[in-house]
Amino acid sequence: MSLNPAETALVLIEFQNDFTTAGGALHGAVAEVMERTGMLGNTVAAAEQARQAGATVIHVPISFVEGYGEISAKPYGILAGVVESNAFVKGSWGAQIVAALTPAAGDILVEGKRGLDAFMSTNLDFILRGKGIRNVALGGFLTNCCVESTMRTAYEKGFNVLTLTDCVAATSVEEHDNAITKDYPMFSHPVVSKEFVAVLGGGGGLVDSSRGYTA
């Protein structure tokens, strides 16, 4: 499989200090998997190589006004954890995109993410279709939450979806591995970042890192 860079976007979900950086409200929960996969360094390299190849890099952070008025007064599940940890407050250091992935010239910053799926409360779909994007590669947090939710919607919308398995992290190794092994192959091509950038405008096969085949 060869990917046309002009039709390809690398979508980076919630690479923000509260996840990525020591002192972030939720960093402790994801630090083990981040270290295990080297996901931040892998993502920085993939983003730079994608830009050089001519692909679009899109950043999708999440943020809430202080007090979390945009969501239910009694949140539950993952959003309850966000509120309890006072994470991703608009204008705070924790909500800022990590310095290593500061949007570069030509990158796109998508605003309005308030929930799990990067499509649902944003204009991400409008941007992708307006730019003629057919291939969507995903990285970010959490492996089994926002990345997986976005992956499923992108698949349903007809995009050719790739999930970069060394550019994602979850709150436990078990959850991370289960999502990549069991769920990702159902809705995407799970590949490592080097395999993704290798086929941007070039030849060679994409090796599915969960099943070992070449597409």
Protein backbone atom coordinates (compact mmCIF):
# COMPACT_ATOMS: atom_id res chain seq x y z
CA MET A 1 0.00 0.00 0.00
CA SER A 2 1.23 3.47 -0.88
CA LEU A 3 -0.40 6.55 0.66
CA ASN A 4 -0.72 9.80 -1.26
CA PRO A 5 0.48 12.49 1.20
CA ALA A 6 -1.97 15.01 -0.26
CA GLU A 7 -4.79 12.69 0.78
CA THR A 8 -3.37 11.78 4.18
CA ALA A 9 -3.73 13.37 7.62
CA LEU A 10 -2.00 12.52 10.87
CA VAL A 11 -4.51 13.29 13.63
CA LEU A 12 -2.96 13.81 17.07
CA ILE A 13 -5.41 13.50 19.94
CA GLU A 14 -4.82 15.20 23.31
CA PHE A 15 -1.05 15.49 23.34
CA GLN A 16 -1.41 17.93 26.21
CA ASN A 17 0.63 18.49 29.35
CA ASP A 18 -1.97 16.95 31.64
CA PHE A 19 -1.26 13.64 29.89
CA THR A 20 2.24 13.94 28.50
CA THR A 21 4.27 15.74 31.12
CA ALA A 22 5.40 15.16 34.71
CA GLY A 23 3.18 17.26 36.94
CA GLY A 24 0.20 16.90 34.60
CA ALA A 25 -3.05 15.95 36.27
CA LEU A 26 -3.28 12.59 34.49
CA HIS A 27 0.34 11.95 33.61
CA GLY A 28 0.86 9.42 36.38
CA ALA A 29 -1.94 7.27 34.98
CA VAL A 30 -0.35 6.97 31.51
CA ALA A 31 3.37 7.29 32.29
CA GLU A 32 4.03 3.54 32.34
CA VAL A 33 2.60 2.89 28.88
CA MET A 34 4.17 6.07 27.47
CA GLU A 35 7.58 4.88 28.61
CA ARG A 36 6.99 1.34 27.40
CA THR A 37 6.09 2.42 23.87
CA GLY A 38 8.19 5.59 23.58
CA MET A 39 5.05 7.15 22.19
CA LEU A 40 5.93 10.81 22.57
CA GLY A 41 9.26 10.54 20.77
CA ASN A 42 7.71 8.32 18.12
CA THR A 43 4.94 10.84 17.53
CA VAL A 44 7.29 13.81 17.28
CA ALA A 45 9.29 11.95 14.64
CA ALA A 46 6.19 10.78 12.76
CA ALA A 47 4.73 14.29 12.68
CA GLU A 48 7.93 15.81 11.32
CA GLN A 49 8.31 13.13 8.67
CA ALA A 50 4.64 13.43 7.71
CA ARG A 51 5.08 17.19 7.21
CA GLN A 52 8.17 16.66 5.11
CA ALA A 53 6.29 14.17 2.94
CA GLY A 54 3.48 16.66 2.37
CA ALA A 55 0.82 15.12 4.62
CA THR A 56 -1.42 17.22 6.87
CA VAL A 57 -0.83 17.21 10.62
CA ILE A 58 -3.93 17.92 12.72
CA HIS A 59 -3.97 18.54 16.48
CA VAL A 60 -7.15 17.83 18.45
CA PRO A 61 -6.80 18.90 22.10
CA ILE A 62 -9.62 18.78 24.64
CA SER A 63 -10.45 21.62 27.02
CA PHE A 64 -13.18 22.86 29.33
CA VAL A 65 -13.90 26.18 30.97
CA GLU A 66 -13.21 26.21 34.69
CA GLY A 67 -16.13 24.52 36.39
CA TYR A 68 -16.76 22.16 33.44
CA GLY A 69 -20.05 23.80 32.51
CA GLU A 70 -19.97 22.18 29.04
CA ILE A 71 -20.69 18.72 30.42
CA SER A 72 -23.22 17.12 32.75
CA ALA A 73 -23.47 18.39 36.30
CA LYS A 74 -23.06 14.78 37.37
CA PRO A 75 -20.51 13.28 34.98
CA TYR A 76 -19.64 9.61 35.22
CA GLY A 77 -17.08 7.32 33.66
CA ILE A 78 -14.00 8.84 32.08
CA LEU A 79 -15.29 12.42 32.21
CA ALA A 80 -15.86 12.11 35.96
CA GLY A 81 -12.17 11.35 36.25
CA VAL A 82 -11.31 14.46 34.24
CA VAL A 83 -13.40 16.63 36.52
CA GLU A 84 -12.11 15.03 39.73
CA SER A 85 -8.51 15.58 38.65
CA ASN A 86 -9.22 19.14 37.46
CA ALA A 87 -7.66 18.30 34.09
CA PHE A 88 -7.70 20.16 30.76
CA VAL A 89 -8.94 23.50 32.08
CA LYS A 90 -8.93 26.02 29.24
CA GLY A 91 -6.01 28.44 29.48
CA SER A 92 -4.09 26.31 31.98
CA TRP A 93 -0.63 24.80 31.53
CA GLY A 94 -2.17 21.33 31.67
CA ALA A 95 -4.41 22.01 28.69
CA GLN A 96 -1.56 23.28 26.52
CA ILE A 97 -0.19 21.06 23.77
CA VAL A 98 3.14 19.62 24.89
CA ALA A 99 6.05 21.75 23.71
CA ALA A 100 7.60 18.92 21.66
CA LEU A 101 4.48 18.85 19.49
CA THR A 102 3.78 22.56 19.26
CA PRO A 103 1.82 23.01 16.02
CA ALA A 104 4.14 23.91 13.15
CA ALA A 105 3.40 26.17 10.22
CA GLY A 106 0.82 24.44 8.06
CA ASP A 107 -0.55 22.27 10.88
CA ILE A 108 -4.24 22.51 11.75
CA LEU A 109 -5.53 23.02 15.28
CA VAL A 110 -9.07 21.70 15.76
CA GLU A 111 -11.04 23.37 18.53
CA GLY A 112 -14.16 22.31 20.39
CA LYS A 113 -13.38 18.79 21.59
CA ARG A 114 -15.39 18.27 24.75
CA GLY A 115 -15.94 14.52 24.76
CA LEU A 116 -14.30 11.31 23.60
CA ASP A 117 -14.79 11.12 19.83
CA ALA A 118 -12.73 13.78 18.04
CA PHE A 119 -15.43 14.10 15.39
CA MET A 120 -18.47 14.68 17.57
CA SER A 121 -18.14 18.26 18.85
CA THR A 122 -15.66 19.59 16.30
CA ASN A 123 -15.39 20.40 12.59
CA LEU A 124 -12.81 17.66 12.03
CA ASP A 125 -14.93 15.90 9.40
CA PHE A 126 -15.47 19.18 7.53
CA ILE A 127 -11.73 19.86 7.52
CA LEU A 128 -10.78 16.39 6.33
CA ARG A 129 -13.30 16.34 3.50
CA GLY A 130 -12.55 19.93 2.49
CA LYS A 131 -8.88 19.03 2.08
CA GLY A 132 -9.67 15.86 0.15
CA ILE A 133 -8.29 13.60 2.88
CA ARG A 134 -8.92 9.88 2.40
CA ASN A 135 -6.34 8.37 4.77
CA VAL A 136 -6.50 9.16 8.48
CA ALA A 137 -3.68 8.06 10.81
CA LEU A 138 -4.35 8.37 14.53
CA GLY A 139 -2.18 8.79 17.62
CA GLY A 140 -2.79 10.03 21.13
CA PHE A 141 -4.66 9.37 24.35
CA LEU A 142 -6.18 7.13 25.44
CA THR A 143 -5.52 4.02 23.39
CA ASN A 144 -8.87 2.50 24.36
CA CYS A 145 -10.89 5.69 24.76
CA CYS A 146 -10.58 8.83 22.60
CA VAL A 147 -8.32 7.23 20.01
CA GLU A 148 -10.54 4.18 19.72
CA SER A 149 -13.74 6.27 19.62
CA THR A 150 -12.29 8.44 16.84
CA MET A 151 -11.05 5.37 14.97
CA ARG A 152 -14.50 3.78 14.96
CA THR A 153 -16.18 6.94 13.66
CA ALA A 154 -13.55 7.48 10.98
CA TYR A 155 -14.09 3.88 9.84
CA GLU A 156 -17.87 4.38 9.73
CA LYS A 157 -17.41 7.58 7.73
CA GLY A 158 -15.48 5.70 5.06
CA PHE A 159 -11.95 6.92 5.67
CA ASN A 160 -8.99 4.58 5.28
CA VAL A 161 -7.97 4.45 8.94
CA LEU A 162 -4.54 3.66 10.37
CA THR A 163 -3.80 3.52 14.08
CA LEU A 164 -0.19 4.11 15.05
CA THR A 165 0.33 1.55 17.79
CA ASP A 166 3.54 3.10 19.10
CA CYS A 167 1.99 6.59 19.24
CA VAL A 168 -0.81 5.82 21.71
CA ALA A 169 -1.01 5.20 25.46
CA ALA A 170 -3.58 4.08 28.01
CA THR A 171 -3.89 3.97 31.79
CA SER A 172 -2.67 0.38 31.95
CA VAL A 173 -0.62 -1.99 29.84
CA GLU A 174 -3.51 -4.47 29.86
CA GLU A 175 -6.02 -1.98 28.46
CA HIS A 176 -3.52 -0.73 25.89
CA ASP A 177 -2.59 -4.19 24.63
CA ASN A 178 -6.18 -5.42 24.58
CA ALA A 179 -7.37 -2.49 22.46
CA ILE A 180 -4.56 -2.90 19.94
CA THR A 181 -4.89 -6.67 19.74
CA LYS A 182 -8.67 -7.09 19.84
CA ASP A 183 -10.32 -3.83 18.75
CA TYR A 184 -8.00 -1.93 16.43
CA PRO A 185 -7.91 -4.60 13.68
CA MET A 186 -11.71 -4.45 13.41
CA PHE A 187 -11.78 -0.77 12.46
CA SER A 188 -8.31 0.15 11.17
CA HIS A 189 -4.91 -0.91 9.95
CA PRO A 190 -2.83 -1.03 13.17
CA VAL A 191 0.77 -0.18 12.24
CA VAL A 192 3.84 1.30 13.89
CA SER A 193 4.76 4.87 13.00
CA LYS A 194 7.84 3.97 10.95
CA GLU A 195 5.70 1.79 8.70
CA PHE A 196 3.23 4.64 8.25
CA VAL A 197 5.79 7.24 7.20
CA ALA A 198 7.59 4.71 4.99
CA VAL A 199 4.59 4.41 2.68
CA LEU A 200 3.79 8.11 2.41
CA GLY A 201 4.29 8.65 -1.29
CA GLY A 202 6.43 5.54 -1.56
CA GLY A 203 6.11 1.85 -2.15
CA GLY A 204 6.19 -1.14 0.11
CA GLY A 205 3.57 -2.81 2.18
CA LEU A 206 1.93 -1.77 5.39
CA VAL A 207 2.54 -4.48 7.92
CA ASP A 208 -0.41 -4.88 10.27
CA SER A 209 1.32 -4.97 13.66
CA SER A 210 -1.49 -6.91 15.30
CA ARG A 211 -1.89 -9.61 12.67
CA GLY A 212 1.36 -9.64 10.74
CA TYR A 213 0.03 -9.27 7.22
CA THR A 214 1.06 -6.92 4.44
CA ALA A 215 -1.66 -4.85 2.79
